[in-house]
Amino acid sequence: LTLAEDRGGDQAVVNLKNQPLKFFGGKANTAEKRSKIVAKVNSRALEDFIDSSSEVYVMPHIGTDMDALGAAIGVLEMAIAKKKKASIVLDFDHVDQTCQKVLNMLNQEYIKLLEYIIDPQEALDEINSDSLLVIVDHHSIAQTIEPKLLDKTKHIVVIDHHRRIDNVLSEVLINYV
């Protein structure tokens, strides 16, 4: 029931033993169902987690598109404003065409931003148990650029605007899906 409500509340979820969840219905705009209070509470909680972390890593989904990159830049800017060391974890070999064009343009016009983008291996080498990992624009291990990062820290926040799926990352500080 909670899963159906989290996905907009206008659908049925069928959960049969040893089978994947099946969803029926679902035409509501879930963004309209979210209250401003919940958004405000989560943004303050994220701010507190950024304050208490040693550094912040932001990871969009594999096949990064513009909304994932935009979300990552937004969280990066929050961390920078809090004077934290921050990085976006990005696999340049797996970004969509539009995102690649923007990254190429940034490389020529806004080089400073690219200094904050690191590859997954560099993130694995740097992240530690006091680091905050913010997952943006997805909430499933299968969509994660580098799943091993999830094992390196227990300080994980998930921010996503998509409908909730059945293999959600668990044991996170905030799960704002």
N, C-alpha and C. Protein backbone atom coordinates (compact mmCIF):
# COMPACT_ATOMS: atom_id res chain seq x y z
N LEU A 1 0.83 -1.19 0.00
CA LEU A 1 0.00 0.00 0.00
C LEU A 1 0.87 1.26 0.00
N THR A 2 1.90 1.25 0.84
CA THR A 2 2.80 2.41 0.90
C THR A 2 3.48 2.64 -0.44
N LEU A 3 3.92 1.58 -1.07
CA LEU A 3 4.58 1.71 -2.38
C LEU A 3 3.63 2.33 -3.39
N ALA A 4 2.36 1.90 -3.42
CA ALA A 4 1.39 2.47 -4.35
C ALA A 4 1.15 3.94 -4.05
N GLU A 5 1.06 4.31 -2.78
CA GLU A 5 0.85 5.71 -2.42
C GLU A 5 2.07 6.55 -2.78
N ASP A 6 3.27 6.02 -2.55
CA ASP A 6 4.50 6.74 -2.89
C ASP A 6 4.63 6.96 -4.38
N ARG A 7 4.01 6.12 -5.18
CA ARG A 7 4.07 6.24 -6.64
C ARG A 7 2.93 7.10 -7.18
N GLY A 8 2.17 7.75 -6.32
CA GLY A 8 1.11 8.64 -6.78
C GLY A 8 -0.24 8.30 -6.22
N GLY A 9 -0.43 7.11 -5.70
CA GLY A 9 -1.67 6.73 -5.05
C GLY A 9 -2.82 6.39 -5.98
N ASP A 10 -2.59 6.36 -7.27
CA ASP A 10 -3.68 6.09 -8.22
C ASP A 10 -3.46 4.80 -8.98
N GLN A 11 -2.85 3.83 -8.32
CA GLN A 11 -2.58 2.57 -8.99
C GLN A 11 -2.60 1.41 -8.01
N ALA A 12 -2.60 0.22 -8.55
CA ALA A 12 -2.54 -1.00 -7.75
C ALA A 12 -1.17 -1.63 -7.90
N VAL A 13 -0.69 -2.23 -6.83
CA VAL A 13 0.57 -2.95 -6.84
C VAL A 13 0.25 -4.40 -6.50
N VAL A 14 0.67 -5.32 -7.36
CA VAL A 14 0.45 -6.74 -7.12
C VAL A 14 1.80 -7.37 -6.75
N ASN A 15 1.84 -7.99 -5.58
CA ASN A 15 3.07 -8.59 -5.07
C ASN A 15 2.84 -10.08 -4.88
N LEU A 16 3.27 -10.87 -5.84
CA LEU A 16 3.16 -12.32 -5.76
C LEU A 16 4.51 -12.90 -5.37
N LYS A 17 4.50 -13.89 -4.50
CA LYS A 17 5.73 -14.49 -4.01
C LYS A 17 6.62 -14.96 -5.16
N ASN A 18 7.91 -14.63 -5.06
CA ASN A 18 8.94 -15.04 -6.03
C ASN A 18 8.74 -14.46 -7.43
N GLN A 19 8.00 -13.35 -7.52
CA GLN A 19 7.81 -12.67 -8.81
C GLN A 19 8.06 -11.18 -8.62
N PRO A 20 8.48 -10.48 -9.68
CA PRO A 20 8.65 -9.03 -9.55
C PRO A 20 7.30 -8.34 -9.31
N LEU A 21 7.37 -7.19 -8.65
CA LEU A 21 6.16 -6.42 -8.44
C LEU A 21 5.57 -6.00 -9.77
N LYS A 22 4.23 -5.94 -9.84
CA LYS A 22 3.54 -5.47 -11.04
C LYS A 22 2.70 -4.27 -10.65
N PHE A 23 2.71 -3.25 -11.52
CA PHE A 23 1.99 -2.01 -11.26
C PHE A 23 0.92 -1.83 -12.32
N PHE A 24 -0.27 -1.42 -11.88
CA PHE A 24 -1.39 -1.18 -12.79
C PHE A 24 -1.98 0.19 -12.50
N GLY A 25 -2.22 0.97 -13.57
CA GLY A 25 -2.74 2.32 -13.40
C GLY A 25 -1.59 3.29 -13.29
N GLY A 26 -1.88 4.45 -12.72
CA GLY A 26 -0.80 5.40 -12.44
C GLY A 26 -0.69 6.52 -13.45
N LYS A 27 -1.62 7.45 -13.39
CA LYS A 27 -1.55 8.60 -14.30
C LYS A 27 -1.38 9.91 -13.55
N ALA A 28 -1.39 9.87 -12.23
CA ALA A 28 -1.29 11.11 -11.44
C ALA A 28 0.11 11.68 -11.53
N ASN A 29 0.21 12.98 -11.43
CA ASN A 29 1.49 13.65 -11.37
C ASN A 29 1.94 13.61 -9.91
N THR A 30 2.93 12.77 -9.61
CA THR A 30 3.34 12.59 -8.22
C THR A 30 3.91 13.87 -7.63
N ALA A 31 4.50 14.74 -8.44
CA ALA A 31 5.05 15.99 -7.93
C ALA A 31 3.95 16.84 -7.29
N GLU A 32 2.75 16.79 -7.81
CA GLU A 32 1.66 17.57 -7.26
C GLU A 32 1.24 17.05 -5.89
N LYS A 33 1.49 15.80 -5.60
CA LYS A 33 1.08 15.19 -4.33
C LYS A 33 2.05 15.51 -3.21
N ARG A 34 3.23 15.94 -3.51
CA ARG A 34 4.23 16.23 -2.49
C ARG A 34 3.91 17.56 -1.83
N SER A 35 4.05 17.61 -0.54
CA SER A 35 3.79 18.86 0.15
C SER A 35 5.07 19.70 0.25
N LYS A 36 4.88 20.99 0.34
CA LYS A 36 6.02 21.89 0.49
C LYS A 36 6.72 21.65 1.82
N ILE A 37 5.97 21.20 2.80
CA ILE A 37 6.54 20.93 4.11
C ILE A 37 7.54 19.78 4.03
N VAL A 38 7.18 18.71 3.34
CA VAL A 38 8.08 17.56 3.21
C VAL A 38 9.36 17.99 2.48
N ALA A 39 9.22 18.78 1.43
CA ALA A 39 10.40 19.26 0.70
C ALA A 39 11.28 20.11 1.60
N LYS A 40 10.67 20.97 2.39
CA LYS A 40 11.44 21.84 3.28
C LYS A 40 12.15 21.03 4.36
N VAL A 41 11.46 20.05 4.94
CA VAL A 41 12.07 19.19 5.97
C VAL A 41 13.25 18.42 5.38
N ASN A 42 13.07 17.86 4.19
CA ASN A 42 14.16 17.10 3.57
C ASN A 42 15.33 17.98 3.18
N SER A 43 15.07 19.20 2.71
CA SER A 43 16.18 20.08 2.33
C SER A 43 16.97 20.51 3.57
N ARG A 44 16.28 20.73 4.68
CA ARG A 44 16.99 21.06 5.93
C ARG A 44 17.79 19.87 6.44
N ALA A 45 17.21 18.68 6.33
CA ALA A 45 17.93 17.48 6.75
C ALA A 45 19.18 17.28 5.88
N LEU A 46 19.05 17.48 4.57
CA LEU A 46 20.20 17.37 3.67
C LEU A 46 21.27 18.38 4.07
N GLU A 47 20.86 19.58 4.37
CA GLU A 47 21.81 20.62 4.80
C GLU A 47 22.55 20.17 6.06
N ASP A 48 21.84 19.58 7.01
CA ASP A 48 22.47 19.09 8.24
C ASP A 48 23.45 17.96 7.94
N PHE A 49 23.09 17.06 7.05
CA PHE A 49 23.99 15.96 6.69
C PHE A 49 25.23 16.48 5.97
N ILE A 50 25.06 17.48 5.14
CA ILE A 50 26.23 18.09 4.48
C ILE A 50 27.14 18.72 5.53
N ASP A 51 26.54 19.44 6.48
CA ASP A 51 27.33 20.08 7.55
C ASP A 51 28.15 19.07 8.35
N SER A 52 27.57 17.90 8.60
CA SER A 52 28.24 16.93 9.47
C SER A 52 29.15 15.95 8.73
N SER A 53 29.26 16.09 7.43
CA SER A 53 30.10 15.17 6.65
C SER A 53 31.49 15.75 6.42
N SER A 54 32.44 14.85 6.16
CA SER A 54 33.80 15.29 5.85
C SER A 54 33.89 15.83 4.43
N GLU A 55 33.18 15.18 3.51
CA GLU A 55 33.09 15.63 2.11
C GLU A 55 31.81 15.05 1.51
N VAL A 56 31.47 15.57 0.33
CA VAL A 56 30.21 15.19 -0.32
C VAL A 56 30.50 14.69 -1.73
N TYR A 57 29.92 13.53 -2.05
CA TYR A 57 30.00 12.97 -3.39
C TYR A 57 28.57 12.89 -3.92
N VAL A 58 28.37 13.36 -5.14
CA VAL A 58 27.05 13.35 -5.76
C VAL A 58 27.11 12.43 -6.97
N MET A 59 26.18 11.47 -7.03
CA MET A 59 26.24 10.49 -8.11
C MET A 59 24.89 10.40 -8.83
N PRO A 60 24.86 10.85 -10.10
CA PRO A 60 23.67 10.64 -10.92
C PRO A 60 23.64 9.18 -11.42
N HIS A 61 22.66 8.86 -12.23
CA HIS A 61 22.53 7.50 -12.75
C HIS A 61 23.43 7.26 -13.95
N ILE A 62 23.64 6.00 -14.25
CA ILE A 62 24.41 5.62 -15.43
C ILE A 62 23.62 6.08 -16.66
N GLY A 63 24.31 6.48 -17.70
CA GLY A 63 23.62 7.06 -18.85
C GLY A 63 23.11 8.45 -18.48
N THR A 64 23.92 9.18 -17.76
CA THR A 64 23.53 10.48 -17.21
C THR A 64 22.91 11.36 -18.27
N ASP A 65 21.72 11.91 -17.95
CA ASP A 65 21.03 12.84 -18.84
C ASP A 65 21.01 14.21 -18.17
N MET A 66 20.33 15.15 -18.80
CA MET A 66 20.38 16.53 -18.32
C MET A 66 19.72 16.72 -16.95
N ASP A 67 18.62 16.02 -16.67
CA ASP A 67 18.02 16.24 -15.34
C ASP A 67 18.90 15.63 -14.26
N ALA A 68 19.59 14.54 -14.54
CA ALA A 68 20.51 13.95 -13.57
C ALA A 68 21.71 14.88 -13.35
N LEU A 69 22.26 15.43 -14.43
CA LEU A 69 23.39 16.34 -14.31
C LEU A 69 22.98 17.62 -13.59
N GLY A 70 21.81 18.14 -13.93
CA GLY A 70 21.31 19.36 -13.26
C GLY A 70 21.13 19.14 -11.77
N ALA A 71 20.55 18.00 -11.39
CA ALA A 71 20.37 17.69 -9.97
C ALA A 71 21.72 17.57 -9.27
N ALA A 72 22.67 16.93 -9.95
CA ALA A 72 24.00 16.76 -9.36
C ALA A 72 24.69 18.12 -9.15
N ILE A 73 24.57 19.01 -10.12
CA ILE A 73 25.17 20.34 -9.99
C ILE A 73 24.49 21.11 -8.86
N GLY A 74 23.18 20.98 -8.72
CA GLY A 74 22.46 21.66 -7.64
C GLY A 74 22.95 21.22 -6.27
N VAL A 75 23.11 19.92 -6.06
CA VAL A 75 23.60 19.42 -4.77
C VAL A 75 25.06 19.81 -4.58
N LEU A 76 25.85 19.75 -5.65
CA LEU A 76 27.24 20.18 -5.58
C LEU A 76 27.33 21.62 -5.09
N GLU A 77 26.50 22.49 -5.66
CA GLU A 77 26.51 23.90 -5.26
C GLU A 77 26.10 24.09 -3.80
N MET A 78 25.17 23.25 -3.31
CA MET A 78 24.80 23.31 -1.89
C MET A 78 26.02 23.00 -1.02
N ALA A 79 26.75 21.95 -1.38
CA ALA A 79 27.93 21.56 -0.61
C ALA A 79 29.02 22.63 -0.67
N ILE A 80 29.24 23.19 -1.85
CA ILE A 80 30.25 24.24 -2.00
C ILE A 80 29.87 25.46 -1.15
N ALA A 81 28.58 25.80 -1.13
CA ALA A 81 28.11 26.93 -0.32
C ALA A 81 28.36 26.68 1.17
N LYS A 82 28.41 25.41 1.56
CA LYS A 82 28.68 25.04 2.95
C LYS A 82 30.17 24.84 3.20
N LYS A 83 30.99 25.20 2.20
CA LYS A 83 32.45 25.12 2.30
C LYS A 83 32.95 23.69 2.49
N LYS A 84 32.27 22.74 1.83
CA LYS A 84 32.67 21.35 1.91
C LYS A 84 33.39 20.94 0.63
N LYS A 85 34.32 20.01 0.76
CA LYS A 85 34.92 19.40 -0.42
C LYS A 85 33.81 18.59 -1.07
N ALA A 86 33.60 18.79 -2.35
CA ALA A 86 32.49 18.12 -3.03
C ALA A 86 32.89 17.73 -4.44
N SER A 87 32.30 16.61 -4.90
CA SER A 87 32.58 16.11 -6.25
C SER A 87 31.34 15.46 -6.83
N ILE A 88 31.23 15.53 -8.15
CA ILE A 88 30.22 14.77 -8.88
C ILE A 88 30.91 13.56 -9.48
N VAL A 89 30.36 12.39 -9.22
CA VAL A 89 30.91 11.14 -9.76
C VAL A 89 30.24 10.91 -11.12
N LEU A 90 31.04 10.89 -12.17
CA LEU A 90 30.47 10.79 -13.51
C LEU A 90 31.32 9.88 -14.39
N ASP A 91 30.66 9.03 -15.13
CA ASP A 91 31.32 8.17 -16.10
C ASP A 91 31.12 8.82 -17.47
N PHE A 92 32.15 9.50 -17.96
CA PHE A 92 32.04 10.25 -19.21
C PHE A 92 31.72 9.36 -20.41
N ASP A 93 31.99 8.07 -20.29
CA ASP A 93 31.70 7.15 -21.39
C ASP A 93 30.23 6.75 -21.44
N HIS A 94 29.48 7.09 -20.40
CA HIS A 94 28.07 6.70 -20.33
C HIS A 94 27.18 7.88 -19.98
N VAL A 95 27.22 8.91 -20.82
CA VAL A 95 26.29 10.04 -20.69
C VAL A 95 25.54 10.16 -22.01
N ASP A 96 24.32 10.68 -21.95
CA ASP A 96 23.56 10.80 -23.20
C ASP A 96 24.13 11.92 -24.07
N GLN A 97 23.68 11.99 -25.31
CA GLN A 97 24.25 12.92 -26.30
C GLN A 97 24.10 14.38 -25.87
N THR A 98 22.94 14.75 -25.39
CA THR A 98 22.73 16.14 -24.98
C THR A 98 23.64 16.51 -23.84
N CYS A 99 23.74 15.62 -22.88
CA CYS A 99 24.62 15.85 -21.74
C CYS A 99 26.08 15.96 -22.20
N GLN A 100 26.47 15.14 -23.15
CA GLN A 100 27.84 15.19 -23.67
C GLN A 100 28.12 16.54 -24.34
N LYS A 101 27.14 17.05 -25.07
CA LYS A 101 27.30 18.38 -25.71
C LYS A 101 27.48 19.46 -24.66
N VAL A 102 26.69 19.39 -23.60
CA VAL A 102 26.80 20.39 -22.53
C VAL A 102 28.16 20.28 -21.84
N LEU A 103 28.61 19.06 -21.57
CA LEU A 103 29.92 18.87 -20.95
C LEU A 103 31.04 19.40 -21.85
N ASN A 104 30.92 19.19 -23.16
CA ASN A 104 31.91 19.74 -24.09
C ASN A 104 31.90 21.26 -24.06
N MET A 105 30.72 21.84 -23.99
CA MET A 105 30.60 23.30 -23.92
C MET A 105 31.19 23.81 -22.60
N LEU A 106 30.91 23.10 -21.50
CA LEU A 106 31.48 23.49 -20.21
C LEU A 106 32.99 23.44 -20.25
N ASN A 107 33.52 22.48 -20.96
CA ASN A 107 34.97 22.32 -21.07
C ASN A 107 35.61 23.55 -21.72
N GLN A 108 34.85 24.26 -22.54
CA GLN A 108 35.38 25.43 -23.21
C GLN A 108 35.04 26.73 -22.48
N GLU A 109 33.87 26.76 -21.82
CA GLU A 109 33.39 28.02 -21.27
C GLU A 109 33.32 28.10 -19.75
N TYR A 110 33.20 26.97 -19.08
CA TYR A 110 33.07 26.99 -17.63
C TYR A 110 33.90 25.86 -17.04
N ILE A 111 35.19 25.97 -17.26
CA ILE A 111 36.13 24.92 -16.89
C ILE A 111 36.11 24.65 -15.39
N LYS A 112 35.83 25.65 -14.59
CA LYS A 112 35.83 25.50 -13.12
C LYS A 112 34.92 24.36 -12.67
N LEU A 113 33.73 24.24 -13.27
CA LEU A 113 32.81 23.18 -12.88
C LEU A 113 33.41 21.80 -13.12
N LEU A 114 34.13 21.63 -14.21
CA LEU A 114 34.71 20.33 -14.54
C LEU A 114 35.75 19.89 -13.51
N GLU A 115 36.31 20.84 -12.75
CA GLU A 115 37.26 20.48 -11.69
C GLU A 115 36.59 19.67 -10.59
N TYR A 116 35.27 19.78 -10.48
CA TYR A 116 34.52 19.07 -9.44
C TYR A 116 34.02 17.70 -9.90
N ILE A 117 34.24 17.37 -11.16
CA ILE A 117 33.75 16.09 -11.69
C ILE A 117 34.89 15.08 -11.66
N ILE A 118 34.61 13.93 -11.03
CA ILE A 118 35.62 12.87 -10.94
C ILE A 118 35.04 11.58 -11.49
N ASP A 119 35.93 10.68 -11.89
CA ASP A 119 35.46 9.39 -12.41
C ASP A 119 35.20 8.42 -11.25
N PRO A 120 34.48 7.35 -11.49
CA PRO A 120 34.12 6.42 -10.42
C PRO A 120 35.31 5.84 -9.67
N GLN A 121 36.40 5.54 -10.36
CA GLN A 121 37.57 4.98 -9.67
C GLN A 121 38.17 5.98 -8.70
N GLU A 122 38.25 7.24 -9.10
CA GLU A 122 38.77 8.27 -8.20
C GLU A 122 37.88 8.41 -6.98
N ALA A 123 36.57 8.34 -7.18
CA ALA A 123 35.64 8.40 -6.05
C ALA A 123 35.86 7.22 -5.11
N LEU A 124 36.04 6.03 -5.66
CA LEU A 124 36.30 4.84 -4.83
C LEU A 124 37.58 5.00 -4.00
N ASP A 125 38.58 5.64 -4.58
CA ASP A 125 39.84 5.85 -3.88
C ASP A 125 39.72 6.89 -2.77
N GLU A 126 38.82 7.86 -2.93
CA GLU A 126 38.72 8.98 -1.99
C GLU A 126 37.66 8.81 -0.91
N ILE A 127 36.52 8.24 -1.24
CA ILE A 127 35.39 8.20 -0.31
C ILE A 127 35.75 7.41 0.95
N ASN A 128 35.18 7.83 2.09
CA ASN A 128 35.44 7.11 3.34
C ASN A 128 34.16 7.05 4.16
N SER A 129 34.24 6.47 5.32
CA SER A 129 33.04 6.24 6.13
C SER A 129 32.40 7.53 6.64
N ASP A 130 33.13 8.64 6.63
CA ASP A 130 32.57 9.93 7.05
C ASP A 130 32.03 10.76 5.89
N SER A 131 32.16 10.25 4.68
CA SER A 131 31.70 10.96 3.49
C SER A 131 30.19 10.84 3.35
N LEU A 132 29.59 11.85 2.72
CA LEU A 132 28.17 11.81 2.38
C LEU A 132 28.07 11.52 0.89
N LEU A 133 27.27 10.51 0.54
CA LEU A 133 27.02 10.17 -0.85
C LEU A 133 25.57 10.51 -1.16
N VAL A 134 25.36 11.43 -2.10
CA VAL A 134 24.01 11.83 -2.49
C VAL A 134 23.72 11.25 -3.87
N ILE A 135 22.73 10.38 -3.91
CA ILE A 135 22.30 9.73 -5.14
C ILE A 135 21.18 10.59 -5.73
N VAL A 136 21.34 11.05 -6.97
CA VAL A 136 20.32 11.92 -7.58
C VAL A 136 19.74 11.31 -8.84
N ASP A 137 18.46 11.54 -9.04
CA ASP A 137 17.70 11.18 -10.23
C ASP A 137 17.55 9.67 -10.44
N HIS A 138 17.79 8.90 -9.40
CA HIS A 138 17.53 7.46 -9.42
C HIS A 138 17.52 6.95 -7.98
N HIS A 139 17.00 5.75 -7.81
CA HIS A 139 16.94 5.19 -6.46
C HIS A 139 17.13 3.67 -6.45
N SER A 140 17.82 3.17 -7.45
CA SER A 140 18.02 1.73 -7.57
C SER A 140 19.50 1.43 -7.80
N ILE A 141 19.97 0.36 -7.19
CA ILE A 141 21.38 -0.04 -7.36
C ILE A 141 21.68 -0.31 -8.83
N ALA A 142 20.73 -0.86 -9.56
CA ALA A 142 20.94 -1.20 -10.97
C ALA A 142 21.24 0.03 -11.83
N GLN A 143 20.80 1.21 -11.40
CA GLN A 143 21.01 2.44 -12.17
C GLN A 143 22.24 3.22 -11.72
N THR A 144 22.91 2.74 -10.70
CA THR A 144 24.01 3.47 -10.09
C THR A 144 25.29 3.36 -10.91
N ILE A 145 25.98 4.47 -11.08
CA ILE A 145 27.23 4.49 -11.84
C ILE A 145 28.26 3.55 -11.21
N GLU A 146 28.42 3.63 -9.89
CA GLU A 146 29.40 2.78 -9.22
C GLU A 146 28.81 2.23 -7.92
N PRO A 147 28.20 1.05 -7.98
CA PRO A 147 27.56 0.46 -6.80
C PRO A 147 28.51 0.25 -5.61
N LYS A 148 29.80 0.06 -5.86
CA LYS A 148 30.75 -0.16 -4.77
C LYS A 148 30.84 1.05 -3.84
N LEU A 149 30.51 2.24 -4.32
CA LEU A 149 30.53 3.42 -3.46
C LEU A 149 29.53 3.29 -2.32
N LEU A 150 28.44 2.57 -2.56
CA LEU A 150 27.41 2.39 -1.54
C LEU A 150 27.93 1.60 -0.34
N ASP A 151 28.96 0.79 -0.56
CA ASP A 151 29.54 0.00 0.52
C ASP A 151 30.62 0.76 1.30
N LYS A 152 31.09 1.87 0.75
CA LYS A 152 32.20 2.61 1.36
C LYS A 152 31.74 3.60 2.42
N THR A 153 30.46 3.97 2.41
CA THR A 153 29.92 4.89 3.40
C THR A 153 28.49 4.48 3.73
N LYS A 154 28.10 4.76 4.95
CA LYS A 154 26.71 4.50 5.36
C LYS A 154 25.92 5.81 5.38
N HIS A 155 26.55 6.89 4.98
CA HIS A 155 25.90 8.20 4.94
C HIS A 155 25.42 8.44 3.51
N ILE A 156 24.21 7.97 3.21
CA ILE A 156 23.68 8.02 1.84
C ILE A 156 22.33 8.71 1.85
N VAL A 157 22.15 9.61 0.90
CA VAL A 157 20.89 10.32 0.69
C VAL A 157 20.43 10.04 -0.74
N VAL A 158 19.14 9.77 -0.91
CA VAL A 158 18.58 9.53 -2.24
C VAL A 158 17.57 10.64 -2.53
N ILE A 159 17.74 11.31 -3.68
CA ILE A 159 16.80 12.34 -4.14
C ILE A 159 16.41 11.98 -5.57
N ASP A 160 15.12 11.74 -5.77
CA ASP A 160 14.66 11.31 -7.09
C ASP A 160 13.23 11.79 -7.32
N HIS A 161 12.91 12.12 -8.56
CA HIS A 161 11.56 12.57 -8.89
C HIS A 161 10.76 11.50 -9.65
N HIS A 162 11.36 10.36 -9.91
CA HIS A 162 10.67 9.29 -10.63
C HIS A 162 9.78 8.49 -9.70
N ARG A 163 8.83 7.79 -10.28
CA ARG A 163 7.98 6.90 -9.48
C ARG A 163 8.84 5.82 -8.84
N ARG A 164 8.49 5.50 -7.62
CA ARG A 164 9.24 4.50 -6.86
C ARG A 164 9.12 3.12 -7.53
N ILE A 165 10.25 2.43 -7.62
CA ILE A 165 10.27 1.07 -8.15
C ILE A 165 10.51 0.11 -6.99
N ASP A 166 10.48 -1.17 -7.27
CA ASP A 166 10.54 -2.14 -6.17
C ASP A 166 11.94 -2.43 -5.64
N ASN A 167 13.00 -2.09 -6.34
CA ASN A 167 14.35 -2.36 -5.82
C ASN A 167 15.03 -1.07 -5.37
N VAL A 168 14.40 -0.43 -4.39
CA VAL A 168 14.86 0.85 -3.87
C VAL A 168 16.08 0.64 -2.98
N LEU A 169 17.02 1.59 -3.04
CA LEU A 169 18.15 1.56 -2.12
C LEU A 169 17.60 1.65 -0.70
N SER A 170 18.11 0.81 0.18
CA SER A 170 17.63 0.84 1.56
C SER A 170 18.76 1.31 2.47
N GLU A 171 18.45 1.46 3.74
CA GLU A 171 19.41 1.92 4.73
C GLU A 171 20.08 3.22 4.32
N VAL A 172 19.25 4.22 4.04
CA VAL A 172 19.75 5.54 3.67
C VAL A 172 19.26 6.56 4.69
N LEU A 173 19.95 7.70 4.76
CA LEU A 173 19.58 8.76 5.71
C LEU A 173 18.28 9.44 5.29
N ILE A 174 18.17 9.75 4.01
CA ILE A 174 16.95 10.34 3.44
C ILE A 174 16.63 9.57 2.17
N ASN A 175 15.39 9.21 2.00
CA ASN A 175 14.95 8.56 0.77
C ASN A 175 13.80 9.40 0.23
N TYR A 176 14.17 10.46 -0.51
CA TYR A 176 13.16 11.41 -1.02
C TYR A 176 12.86 11.07 -2.47
N VAL A 177 11.94 10.13 -2.64
CA VAL A 177 11.56 9.66 -3.97
C VAL A 177 10.10 10.03 -4.19
